[in-house]
C-alpha atoms as a PDB file:
ATOM      1  CA  MET A   1     -12.351  -2.281   9.086  1.00  0.00           C
ATOM      2  CA  TYR A   2      -9.763  -4.989   7.737  1.00  0.00           C
ATOM      3  CA  THR A   3      -6.024  -4.882   8.357  1.00  0.00           C
ATOM      4  CA  THR A   4      -3.365  -5.192   5.772  1.00  0.00           C
ATOM      5  CA  LYS A   5      -2.755  -8.758   6.819  1.00  0.00           C
ATOM      6  CA  SER A   6      -6.378  -9.866   7.129  1.00  0.00           C
ATOM      7  CA  GLN A   7      -7.494  -8.531   4.218  1.00  0.00           C
ATOM      8  CA  PRO A   8      -8.976 -11.131   1.513  1.00  0.00           C
ATOM      9  CA  GLY A   9      -7.830 -11.740  -1.411  1.00  0.00           C
ATOM     10  CA  VAL A  10      -8.163 -10.289  -5.096  1.00  0.00           C
ATOM     11  CA  GLY A  11     -12.082 -10.795  -5.965  1.00  0.00           C
ATOM     12  CA  LYS A  12     -12.644 -12.315  -3.087  1.00  0.00           C
ATOM     13  CA  PRO A  13     -16.258 -10.409  -1.703  1.00  0.00           C
ATOM     14  CA  GLY A  14     -15.805  -6.775  -0.741  1.00  0.00           C
ATOM     15  CA  LYS A  15     -12.707  -6.475  -2.890  1.00  0.00           C
ATOM     16  CA  VAL A  16     -14.571  -6.036  -6.546  1.00  0.00           C
ATOM     17  CA  GLY A  17     -16.242  -2.677  -6.340  1.00  0.00           C
ATOM     18  CA  ILE A  18     -18.611  -2.012  -9.196  1.00  0.00           C
ATOM     19  CA  LEU A  19     -20.588   1.128 -10.077  1.00  0.00           C
ATOM     20  CA  SER A  20     -22.832   1.618 -12.966  1.00  0.00           C
ATOM     21  CA  LEU A  21     -25.190   4.887 -13.798  1.00  0.00           C
ATOM     22  CA  LYS A  22     -27.133   5.591 -16.613  1.00  0.00           C
ATOM     23  CA  LEU A  23     -28.210   9.169 -16.365  1.00  0.00           C
ATOM     24  CA  GLU A  24     -31.239  10.798 -18.823  1.00  0.00           C
ATOM     25  CA  ARG A  25     -33.216  13.869 -18.837  1.00  0.00           C
ATOM     26  CA  ASN A  26     -37.062  13.537 -17.716  1.00  0.00           C
ATOM     27  CA  PRO A  27     -39.293  14.842 -20.773  1.00  0.00           C
ATOM     28  CA  GLU A  28     -41.435  15.658 -17.962  1.00  0.00           C
ATOM     29  CA  THR A  29     -39.510  17.931 -15.432  1.00  0.00           C
ATOM     30  CA  GLY A  30     -36.430  18.382 -17.485  1.00  0.00           C
ATOM     31  CA  LYS A  31     -34.358  17.684 -14.889  1.00  0.00           C
ATOM     32  CA  THR A  32     -31.337  15.212 -15.457  1.00  0.00           C
ATOM     33  CA  VAL A  33     -32.592  11.346 -13.311  1.00  0.00           C
ATOM     34  CA  ILE A  34     -30.587   8.402 -12.961  1.00  0.00           C
ATOM     35  CA  ARG A  35     -32.540   5.696 -14.880  1.00  0.00           C
ATOM     36  CA  GLU A  36     -30.329   2.742 -14.104  1.00  0.00           C
ATOM     37  CA  GLN A  37     -28.134   1.814 -11.273  1.00  0.00           C
ATOM     38  CA  TYR A  38     -26.081  -0.936 -10.379  1.00  0.00           C
ATOM     39  CA  SER A  39     -23.594  -1.082  -7.432  1.00  0.00           C
ATOM     40  CA  GLN A  40     -21.671  -3.671  -5.934  1.00  0.00           C
ATOM     41  CA  VAL A  41     -20.091  -3.079  -2.337  1.00  0.00           C
ATOM     42  CA  PRO A  42     -17.738  -0.959  -1.712  1.00  0.00           C
ATOM     43  CA  LEU A  43     -19.044   1.481  -4.022  1.00  0.00           C
ATOM     44  CA  PHE A  44     -22.223   2.979  -4.401  1.00  0.00           C
ATOM     45  CA  THR A  45     -24.145   6.357  -4.730  1.00  0.00           C
ATOM     46  CA  GLN A  46     -26.921   8.184  -3.257  1.00  0.00           C
ATOM     47  CA  ARG A  47     -30.072   9.720  -4.696  1.00  0.00           C
ATOM     48  CA  ALA A  48     -29.567  12.495  -7.310  1.00  0.00           C
ATOM     49  CA  MET A  49     -29.867  15.703  -5.689  1.00  0.00           C
ATOM     50  CA  TYR A  50     -30.370  19.418  -7.326  1.00  0.00           C
ATOM     51  CA  LEU A  51     -28.721  21.959  -5.825  1.00  0.00           C
ATOM     52  CA  GLU A  52     -28.088  24.790  -8.355  1.00  0.00           C
ATOM     53  CA  GLU A  53     -30.910  27.568  -8.763  1.00  0.00           C
ATOM     54  CA  THR A  54     -29.334  28.746 -12.143  1.00  0.00           C
ATOM     55  CA  LEU A  55     -29.459  24.802 -13.255  1.00  0.00           C
ATOM     56  CA  PRO A  56     -32.100  23.285 -11.798  1.00  0.00           C
ATOM     57  CA  ALA A  57     -32.181  20.506 -14.310  1.00  0.00           C
ATOM     58  CA  MET A  58     -28.494  19.693 -13.052  1.00  0.00           C
ATOM     59  CA  ALA A  59     -28.311  16.346 -10.874  1.00  0.00           C
ATOM     60  CA  TYR A  60     -25.535  15.897  -8.336  1.00  0.00           C
ATOM     61  CA  VAL A  61     -24.535  12.553  -7.667  1.00  0.00           C
ATOM     62  CA  TYR A  62     -22.435  11.345  -4.676  1.00  0.00           C
ATOM     63  CA  ILE A  63     -20.311   8.442  -5.173  1.00  0.00           C
ATOM     64  CA  VAL A  64     -19.811   6.701  -1.789  1.00  0.00           C
ATOM     65  CA  SER A  65     -17.439   4.009  -0.282  1.00  0.00           C
ATOM     66  CA  PRO A  66     -18.303   2.468   3.296  1.00  0.00           C
ATOM     67  CA  SER A  67     -14.800   1.163   3.570  1.00  0.00           C
ATOM     68  CA  GLY A  68     -13.023   4.578   4.071  1.00  0.00           C
ATOM     69  CA  GLY A  69     -10.679   4.238   1.068  1.00  0.00           C
ATOM     70  CA  ILE A  70      -9.061   1.759  -1.059  1.00  0.00           C
ATOM     71  CA  LEU A  71      -6.700  -1.264   0.328  1.00  0.00           C
ATOM     72  CA  GLN A  72      -4.379  -3.891  -1.260  1.00  0.00           C
ATOM     73  CA  GLY A  73      -6.019  -6.187  -3.923  1.00  0.00           C
ATOM     74  CA  ASP A  74      -8.854  -3.896  -4.406  1.00  0.00           C
ATOM     75  CA  ARG A  75     -10.271  -3.790  -8.105  1.00  0.00           C
ATOM     76  CA  TYR A  76     -12.996  -0.749  -8.911  1.00  0.00           C
ATOM     77  CA  ARG A  77     -14.822  -0.109 -11.764  1.00  0.00           C
ATOM     78  CA  ILE A  78     -17.117   2.986 -12.643  1.00  0.00           C
ATOM     79  CA  ASP A  79     -19.097   2.796 -15.737  1.00  0.00           C
ATOM     80  CA  ILE A  80     -21.386   6.404 -15.985  1.00  0.00           C
ATOM     81  CA  THR A  81     -23.212   6.959 -19.267  1.00  0.00           C
ATOM     82  CA  LEU A  82     -25.319  10.500 -19.633  1.00  0.00           C
ATOM     83  CA  ASP A  83     -27.706  10.328 -22.246  1.00  0.00           C
ATOM     84  CA  ASN A  84     -28.327  13.393 -25.108  1.00  0.00           C
ATOM     85  CA  ASN A  85     -29.134  16.676 -23.463  1.00  0.00           C
ATOM     86  CA  THR A  86     -28.474  15.909 -19.684  1.00  0.00           C
ATOM     87  CA  LEU A  87     -26.911  17.905 -17.088  1.00  0.00           C
ATOM     88  CA  ALA A  88     -25.186  16.177 -14.210  1.00  0.00           C
ATOM     89  CA  HIS A  89     -22.323  16.828 -11.637  1.00  0.00           C
ATOM     90  CA  VAL A  90     -20.635  13.843 -10.303  1.00  0.00           C
ATOM     91  CA  THR A  91     -18.056  13.806  -6.952  1.00  0.00           C
ATOM     92  CA  THR A  92     -17.109  11.845  -4.129  1.00  0.00           C
ATOM     93  CA  GLN A  93     -17.991  11.932  -0.733  1.00  0.00           C
ATOM     94  CA  GLY A  94     -14.320  12.787   0.840  1.00  0.00           C
ATOM     95  CA  ALA A  95     -10.575  11.862  -0.572  1.00  0.00           C
ATOM     96  CA  THR A  96     -10.312   8.820  -1.940  1.00  0.00           C
ATOM     97  CA  ARG A  97      -7.390   7.299   0.363  1.00  0.00           C
ATOM     98  CA  ILE A  98      -5.198   4.699  -0.573  1.00  0.00           C
ATOM     99  CA  TYR A  99      -4.274   2.648   2.285  1.00  0.00           C
ATOM    100  CA  LYS A 100      -0.516   1.060   3.162  1.00  0.00           C
ATOM    101  CA  MET A 101      -0.055  -2.525   0.817  1.00  0.00           C
ATOM    102  CA  GLU A 102       2.409  -5.292   2.504  1.00  0.00           C
ATOM    103  CA  THR A 103       1.772  -7.095  -1.360  1.00  0.00           C
ATOM    104  CA  ASN A 104      -0.227  -6.410  -4.256  1.00  0.00           C
ATOM    105  CA  TYR A 105      -1.988  -3.314  -5.486  1.00  0.00           C
ATOM    106  CA  ALA A 106      -5.112  -1.631  -6.045  1.00  0.00           C
ATOM    107  CA  SER A 107      -6.529  -0.731  -9.184  1.00  0.00           C
ATOM    108  CA  GLN A 108      -9.821   1.671 -10.898  1.00  0.00           C
ATOM    109  CA  ILE A 109     -11.031   1.888 -14.113  1.00  0.00           C
ATOM    110  CA  VAL A 110     -13.375   4.964 -14.635  1.00  0.00           C
ATOM    111  CA  ASN A 111     -15.630   4.888 -18.260  1.00  0.00           C
ATOM    112  CA  ILE A 112     -17.262   7.822 -18.931  1.00  0.00           C
ATOM    113  CA  THR A 113     -19.620   8.275 -21.906  1.00  0.00           C
ATOM    114  CA  VAL A 114     -21.204  11.508 -22.690  1.00  0.00           C
ATOM    115  CA  GLY A 115     -24.006  12.250 -25.261  1.00  0.00           C
ATOM    116  CA  GLU A 116     -25.141  14.777 -27.812  1.00  0.00           C
ATOM    117  CA  ASP A 117     -25.516  18.516 -26.123  1.00  0.00           C
ATOM    118  CA  SER A 118     -24.929  16.912 -22.801  1.00  0.00           C
ATOM    119  CA  PHE A 119     -22.716  19.053 -19.879  1.00  0.00           C
ATOM    120  CA  PHE A 120     -21.137  17.138 -17.726  1.00  0.00           C
ATOM    121  CA  GLU A 121     -18.729  17.727 -14.103  1.00  0.00           C
ATOM    122  CA  TYR A 122     -16.671  14.984 -12.644  1.00  0.00           C
ATOM    123  CA  ILE A 123     -14.760  16.815  -9.682  1.00  0.00           C
ATOM    124  CA  PRO A 124     -13.959  13.835  -7.048  1.00  0.00           C
ATOM    125  CA  ASP A 125     -12.196  14.901  -4.043  1.00  0.00           C
ATOM    126  CA  GLN A 126      -8.555  14.382  -3.584  1.00  0.00           C
ATOM    127  CA  ILE A 127      -6.544  11.186  -3.727  1.00  0.00           C
ATOM    128  CA  ILE A 128      -4.193  10.607  -0.830  1.00  0.00           C
ATOM    129  CA  PRO A 129      -1.527   7.534  -1.093  1.00  0.00           C
ATOM    130  CA  PHE A 130      -0.678   6.765   2.222  1.00  0.00           C
ATOM    131  CA  ARG A 131       3.120   5.049   2.980  1.00  0.00           C
ATOM    132  CA  ASN A 132       3.997   1.852   0.832  1.00  0.00           C
ATOM    133  CA  SER A 133       0.592   2.131  -1.299  1.00  0.00           C
ATOM    134  CA  ARG A 134       0.313   1.214  -5.097  1.00  0.00           C
ATOM    135  CA  PHE A 135      -2.765   2.846  -6.987  1.00  0.00           C
ATOM    136  CA  TYR A 136      -3.040   2.565 -10.531  1.00  0.00           C
ATOM    137  CA  GLN A 137      -5.660   3.892 -12.484  1.00  0.00           C
ATOM    138  CA  GLU A 138      -7.217   4.060 -15.848  1.00  0.00           C
ATOM    139  CA  VAL A 139      -9.620   6.435 -17.446  1.00  0.00           C
ATOM    140  CA  GLN A 140     -11.522   6.509 -20.668  1.00  0.00           C
ATOM    141  CA  LEU A 141     -13.715   9.678 -21.415  1.00  0.00           C
ATOM    142  CA  ASN A 142     -16.060   9.055 -24.460  1.00  0.00           C
ATOM    143  CA  VAL A 143     -17.273  12.998 -25.264  1.00  0.00           C
ATOM    144  CA  HIS A 144     -19.504  13.628 -28.261  1.00  0.00           C
ATOM    145  CA  ASP A 145     -18.025  16.401 -30.352  1.00  0.00           C
ATOM    146  CA  ASN A 146     -21.804  18.391 -29.249  1.00  0.00           C
ATOM    147  CA  ALA A 147     -20.937  18.137 -25.554  1.00  0.00           C
ATOM    148  CA  THR A 148     -18.765  19.325 -23.135  1.00  0.00           C
ATOM    149  CA  MET A 149     -16.936  17.289 -20.081  1.00  0.00           C
ATOM    150  CA  ILE A 150     -14.736  18.718 -17.264  1.00  0.00           C
ATOM    151  CA  TYR A 151     -12.847  15.980 -15.389  1.00  0.00           C
ATOM    152  CA  SER A 152     -10.370  16.564 -12.385  1.00  0.00           C
ATOM    153  CA  GLU A 153      -7.958  14.829 -10.436  1.00  0.00           C
ATOM    154  CA  VAL A 154      -5.993  15.819  -7.349  1.00  0.00           C
ATOM    155  CA  ILE A 155      -3.540  14.306  -5.999  1.00  0.00           C
ATOM    156  CA  VAL A 156      -1.472  14.813  -2.317  1.00  0.00           C
ATOM    157  CA  PRO A 157       1.525  13.643  -1.372  1.00  0.00           C
ATOM    158  CA  GLY A 158      -0.120  11.732   1.556  1.00  0.00           C
ATOM    159  CA  ARG A 159      -0.858  11.926   5.011  1.00  0.00           C
ATOM    160  CA  VAL A 160       1.198  15.368   6.125  1.00  0.00           C
ATOM    161  CA  ALA A 161       0.030  15.716   9.441  1.00  0.00           C
ATOM    162  CA  SER A 162       1.125  11.730  10.321  1.00  0.00           C
ATOM    163  CA  GLY A 163       4.441  12.903   9.142  1.00  0.00           C
ATOM    164  CA  GLU A 164       3.790  11.071   5.840  1.00  0.00           C
ATOM    165  CA  ALA A 165       4.632  12.855   2.608  1.00  0.00           C
ATOM    166  CA  PHE A 166       6.150  10.923  -0.786  1.00  0.00           C
ATOM    167  CA  GLU A 167       6.450   7.752   1.046  1.00  0.00           C
ATOM    168  CA  TYR A 168       4.006   5.446  -1.296  1.00  0.00           C
ATOM    169  CA  ASP A 169       5.411   3.375  -4.132  1.00  0.00           C
ATOM    170  CA  ILE A 170       3.538   4.148  -7.644  1.00  0.00           C
ATOM    171  CA  CYS A 171       0.285   6.444  -8.260  1.00  0.00           C
ATOM    172  CA  TYR A 172      -0.014   5.638 -12.023  1.00  0.00           C
ATOM    173  CA  ILE A 173      -2.973   7.615 -13.650  1.00  0.00           C
ATOM    174  CA  LYS A 174      -3.861   7.437 -17.133  1.00  0.00           C
ATOM    175  CA  THR A 175      -6.304   9.447 -18.599  1.00  0.00           C
ATOM    176  CA  ALA A 176      -7.620   9.154 -22.461  1.00  0.00           C
ATOM    177  CA  GLY A 177     -10.346  10.763 -24.222  1.00  0.00           C
ATOM    178  CA  LYS A 178     -12.191   9.811 -27.654  1.00  0.00           C
ATOM    179  CA  ASN A 179     -15.217  11.385 -29.180  1.00  0.00           C
ATOM    180  CA  HIS A 180     -18.703   9.792 -30.062  1.00  0.00           C
ATOM    181  CA  LEU A 181     -17.021   8.178 -33.140  1.00  0.00           C
ATOM    182  CA  GLY A 182     -14.158   6.426 -31.581  1.00  0.00           C
ATOM    183  CA  ARG A 183     -11.558   8.967 -32.563  1.00  0.00           C
ATOM    184  CA  PRO A 184      -8.659   9.619 -30.232  1.00  0.00           C
ATOM    185  CA  ARG A 185      -8.628  12.890 -28.565  1.00  0.00           C
ATOM    186  CA  PHE A 186      -5.631  12.811 -26.271  1.00  0.00           C
ATOM    187  CA  ILE A 187      -3.628  10.395 -23.896  1.00  0.00           C
ATOM    188  CA  ASP A 188      -2.438  12.279 -20.599  1.00  0.00           C
ATOM    189  CA  THR A 189      -0.227  10.121 -18.119  1.00  0.00           C
ATOM    190  CA  VAL A 190       0.990  10.875 -14.700  1.00  0.00           C
ATOM    191  CA  ARG A 191       3.335   8.685 -13.175  1.00  0.00           C
ATOM    192  CA  LEU A 192       4.455   9.291  -9.582  1.00  0.00           C
ATOM    193  CA  GLU A 193       7.119   7.162  -8.107  1.00  0.00           C
ATOM    194  CA  PRO A 194       8.580   9.507  -4.896  1.00  0.00           C
ATOM    195  CA  LYS A 195      11.159   6.644  -3.992  1.00  0.00           C
ATOM    196  CA  ASN A 196      12.639   6.372  -7.312  1.00  0.00           C
ATOM    197  CA  GLU A 197      12.565   9.752  -8.446  1.00  0.00           C
ATOM    198  CA  ASN A 198      12.675  13.081  -5.991  1.00  0.00           C
ATOM    199  CA  PRO A 199       9.805  14.514  -5.699  1.00  0.00           C
ATOM    200  CA  LYS A 200      11.482  17.829  -5.744  1.00  0.00           C
ATOM    201  CA  ALA A 201      13.147  17.922  -8.685  1.00  0.00           C
ATOM    202  CA  VAL A 202      12.839  20.608 -11.425  1.00  0.00           C
ATOM    203  CA  GLY A 203      10.273  19.008 -13.640  1.00  0.00           C
ATOM    204  CA  ILE A 204       8.266  17.253 -11.048  1.00  0.00           C
ATOM    205  CA  PHE A 205       6.887  18.964  -8.391  1.00  0.00           C
ATOM    206  CA  GLY A 206       9.977  21.821  -7.555  1.00  0.00           C
ATOM    207  CA  ASN A 207       8.650  23.287  -4.162  1.00  0.00           C
ATOM    208  CA  PHE A 208       5.320  22.375  -4.765  1.00  0.00           C
ATOM    209  CA  LYS A 209       3.543  18.987  -2.808  1.00  0.00           C
ATOM    210  CA  VAL A 210       0.218  18.560  -4.657  1.00  0.00           C
ATOM    211  CA  VAL A 211      -0.609  18.250  -7.954  1.00  0.00           C
ATOM    212  CA  GLY A 212      -3.964  18.838  -9.997  1.00  0.00           C
ATOM    213  CA  THR A 213      -5.256  17.815 -13.530  1.00  0.00           C
ATOM    214  CA  THR A 214      -8.276  18.880 -14.935  1.00  0.00           C
ATOM    215  CA  TYR A 215     -10.039  18.174 -18.656  1.00  0.00           C
ATOM    216  CA  VAL A 216     -12.163  20.364 -20.339  1.00  0.00           C
ATOM    217  CA  ILE A 217     -13.676  18.663 -23.410  1.00  0.00           C
ATOM    218  CA  THR A 218     -15.630  20.561 -25.708  1.00  0.00           C
ATOM    219  CA  LYS A 219     -16.359  22.673 -28.943  1.00  0.00           C
ATOM    220  CA  ALA A 220     -13.589  24.474 -30.427  1.00  0.00           C
ATOM    221  CA  SER A 221     -15.629  27.461 -30.719  1.00  0.00           C
ATOM    222  CA  TYR A 222     -15.247  27.890 -26.620  1.00  0.00           C
ATOM    223  CA  VAL A 223     -11.324  26.719 -26.840  1.00  0.00           C
ATOM    224  CA  ASN A 224      -9.899  30.252 -26.878  1.00  0.00           C
ATOM    225  CA  ASP A 225     -11.818  32.028 -24.723  1.00  0.00           C
ATOM    226  CA  LEU A 226     -11.747  29.440 -21.937  1.00  0.00           C
ATOM    227  CA  GLN A 227      -7.752  29.191 -22.249  1.00  0.00           C
ATOM    228  CA  TYR A 228      -7.678  32.681 -21.877  1.00  0.00           C
ATOM    229  CA  GLU A 229     -10.183  33.607 -19.041  1.00  0.00           C
ATOM    230  CA  ILE A 230      -8.539  30.387 -17.073  1.00  0.00           C
ATOM    231  CA  SER A 231      -5.357  31.571 -17.871  1.00  0.00           C
ATOM    232  CA  GLU A 232      -5.860  34.903 -16.165  1.00  0.00           C
ATOM    233  CA  LYS A 233      -6.783  33.048 -12.903  1.00  0.00           C
ATOM    234  CA  ILE A 234      -3.736  31.251 -12.521  1.00  0.00           C
ATOM    235  CA  LYS A 235      -1.686  34.202 -12.859  1.00  0.00           C
ATOM    236  CA  VAL A 236      -3.849  35.755  -9.924  1.00  0.00           C
ATOM    237  CA  LEU A 237      -2.376  33.082  -7.771  1.00  0.00           C
ATOM    238  CA  GLU A 238       0.691  33.152  -9.151  1.00  0.00           C
ATOM    239  CA  VAL A 239       1.349  36.135  -7.872  1.00  0.00           C
ATOM    240  CA  LYS A 240       0.023  35.419  -4.378  1.00  0.00           C
ATOM    241  CA  GLY A 241       2.648  32.502  -4.566  1.00  0.00           C
ATOM    242  CA  LYS A 242       0.232  29.610  -3.903  1.00  0.00           C
ATOM    243  CA  ILE A 243       0.248  27.716  -7.232  1.00  0.00           C
ATOM    244  CA  THR A 244       1.676  27.684 -10.369  1.00  0.00           C
ATOM    245  CA  GLY A 245       0.107  26.326 -13.238  1.00  0.00           C
ATOM    246  CA  CYS A 246      -0.475  26.699 -17.076  1.00  0.00           C
ATOM    247  CA  THR A 247      -3.144  25.491 -19.755  1.00  0.00           C
ATOM    248  CA  SER A 248      -2.786  23.677 -22.745  1.00  0.00           C
ATOM    249  CA  ILE A 249      -5.032  23.253 -26.001  1.00  0.00           C
ATOM    250  CA  LEU A 250      -6.046  19.744 -26.649  1.00  0.00           C
ATOM    251  CA  PRO A 251      -5.119  18.858 -30.298  1.00  0.00           C
ATOM    252  CA  ALA A 252      -7.468  19.341 -33.101  1.00  0.00           C
ATOM    253  CA  ARG A 253      -8.924  22.250 -30.470  1.00  0.00           C
ATOM    254  CA  GLN A 254     -10.891  19.855 -28.585  1.00  0.00           C
ATOM    255  CA  GLY A 255     -10.364  21.538 -25.507  1.00  0.00           C
ATOM    256  CA  VAL A 256      -8.138  22.809 -22.873  1.00  0.00           C
ATOM    257  CA  ILE A 257      -5.815  20.540 -20.255  1.00  0.00           C
ATOM    258  CA  VAL A 258      -4.546  22.906 -17.091  1.00  0.00           C
ATOM    259  CA  ARG A 259      -2.309  21.745 -14.559  1.00  0.00           C
ATOM    260  CA  ILE A 260      -1.882  22.905 -11.463  1.00  0.00           C
ATOM    261  CA  LEU A 261       1.083  22.258  -8.768  1.00  0.00           C
ATOM    262  CA  GLY A 262       0.445  24.013  -4.967  1.00  0.00           C
ATOM    263  CA  ASN A 263       0.958  23.253  -1.432  1.00  0.00           C
ATOM    264  CA  SER A 264      -2.405  22.450  -0.278  1.00  0.00           C
ATOM    265  CA  ALA A 265      -5.525  20.670  -1.888  1.00  0.00           C
ATOM    266  CA  GLU A 266      -7.357  23.652  -1.183  1.00  0.00           C
ATOM    267  CA  ASP A 267      -5.435  25.916  -3.059  1.00  0.00           C
ATOM    268  CA  VAL A 268      -5.235  23.715  -6.133  1.00  0.00           C
ATOM    269  CA  LYS A 269      -9.124  23.123  -5.819  1.00  0.00           C
ATOM    270  CA  GLN A 270      -9.516  26.580  -5.907  1.00  0.00           C
ATOM    271  CA  ILE A 271      -8.484  26.955  -9.232  1.00  0.00           C
ATOM    272  CA  ILE A 272     -10.550  23.486 -10.639  1.00  0.00           C
ATOM    273  CA  PHE A 273     -13.793  25.460  -9.110  1.00  0.00           C
ATOM    274  CA  GLU A 274     -12.973  28.036 -10.966  1.00  0.00           C
ATOM    275  CA  VAL A 275     -12.714  26.480 -14.182  1.00  0.00           C
ATOM    276  CA  VAL A 276     -15.973  24.672 -13.835  1.00  0.00           C
ATOM    277  CA  SER A 277     -16.979  28.275 -13.250  1.00  0.00           C
ATOM    278  CA  ILE A 278     -15.804  29.747 -15.860  1.00  0.00           C
ATOM    279  CA  ALA A 279     -16.959  26.834 -18.235  1.00  0.00           C
ATOM    280  CA  ARG A 280     -20.567  26.842 -16.920  1.00  0.00           C
ATOM    281  CA  LYS A 281     -20.634  30.702 -17.351  1.00  0.00           C
ATOM    282  CA  GLN A 282     -19.319  30.358 -21.020  1.00  0.00           C
ATOM    283  CA  ILE A 283     -20.793  27.242 -22.223  1.00  0.00           C
ATOM    284  CA  VAL A 284     -24.405  27.143 -20.552  1.00  0.00           C
ATOM    285  CA  GLY A 285     -24.764  30.503 -19.211  1.00  0.00           C
ATOM    286  CA  ALA A 286     -24.790  29.500 -15.663  1.00  0.00           C
ATOM    287  CA  SER A 287     -22.836  29.812 -12.425  1.00  0.00           C
ATOM    288  CA  PHE A 288     -21.472  27.655 -10.330  1.00  0.00           C
ATOM    289  CA  SER A 289     -21.910  27.899  -6.634  1.00  0.00           C
ATOM    290  CA  SER A 290     -19.278  25.650  -5.186  1.00  0.00           C
ATOM    291  CA  PHE A 291     -21.762  24.393  -2.813  1.00  0.00           C
ATOM    292  CA  ARG A 292     -21.007  20.241  -3.179  1.00  0.00           C
ATOM    293  CA  LYS A 293     -21.370  19.089   0.382  1.00  0.00           C
ATOM    294  CA  ALA A 294     -22.899  19.891   3.794  1.00  0.00           C
END
């Protein structure tokens, strides 16, 4: 693994990670399959797996990086396209580690397009920004009006076990949604600069350390029930003091946004998995086992 001083410059081999996936439904088996795939290390994927008994057509796809994390000067781009009538769940092999940086920054662009009558879950593991790291991410979600997408992000304070908490320079994530006609759905930005703004301040983290956001983009007919059930789940864990959070309906009733604060990634993930479970039950009539990794 490179040290920060010996890393190649921006654009050099190993510094630009590219992943392009196209998924479609196999007309013979009914399963969602990877139709096209292109990758450039340090990004690639494993073959699709089928893990859910209640959704045997759903493809589980794992994004893998042999580098172990994102280094200064890294530039990543992920493009995922789902054809019509597909079912897929994409996640990462593990947490995304943003390593210490002496110069420059790291960035990632994610573009996702979801076709008509498709159901897609993009649930990566948490982002861990190390001391002095600078990470910028832009996400564009293009979802058909007659489709559903669940997208989540979790940001932890750093390597807490190593004595690092909120010692990164900046973690900036901008997420925007559009429909299949290019009409805007929403824009949401999370900008954390703990060295410039006290993360314990009211309106930022308060007494918590971990933030998670989940976007459920779907038909308006599902929105009321989704928001109600998700809010009830949040109330249960709030009573236990593990998390705090809220839900909001997206403009024009195009979905629900869920923002959660907690003190551990696992507590925040618990709510995210509850969101996935609720959405699956209401929209495709199936359960979610939460079993994604051995």
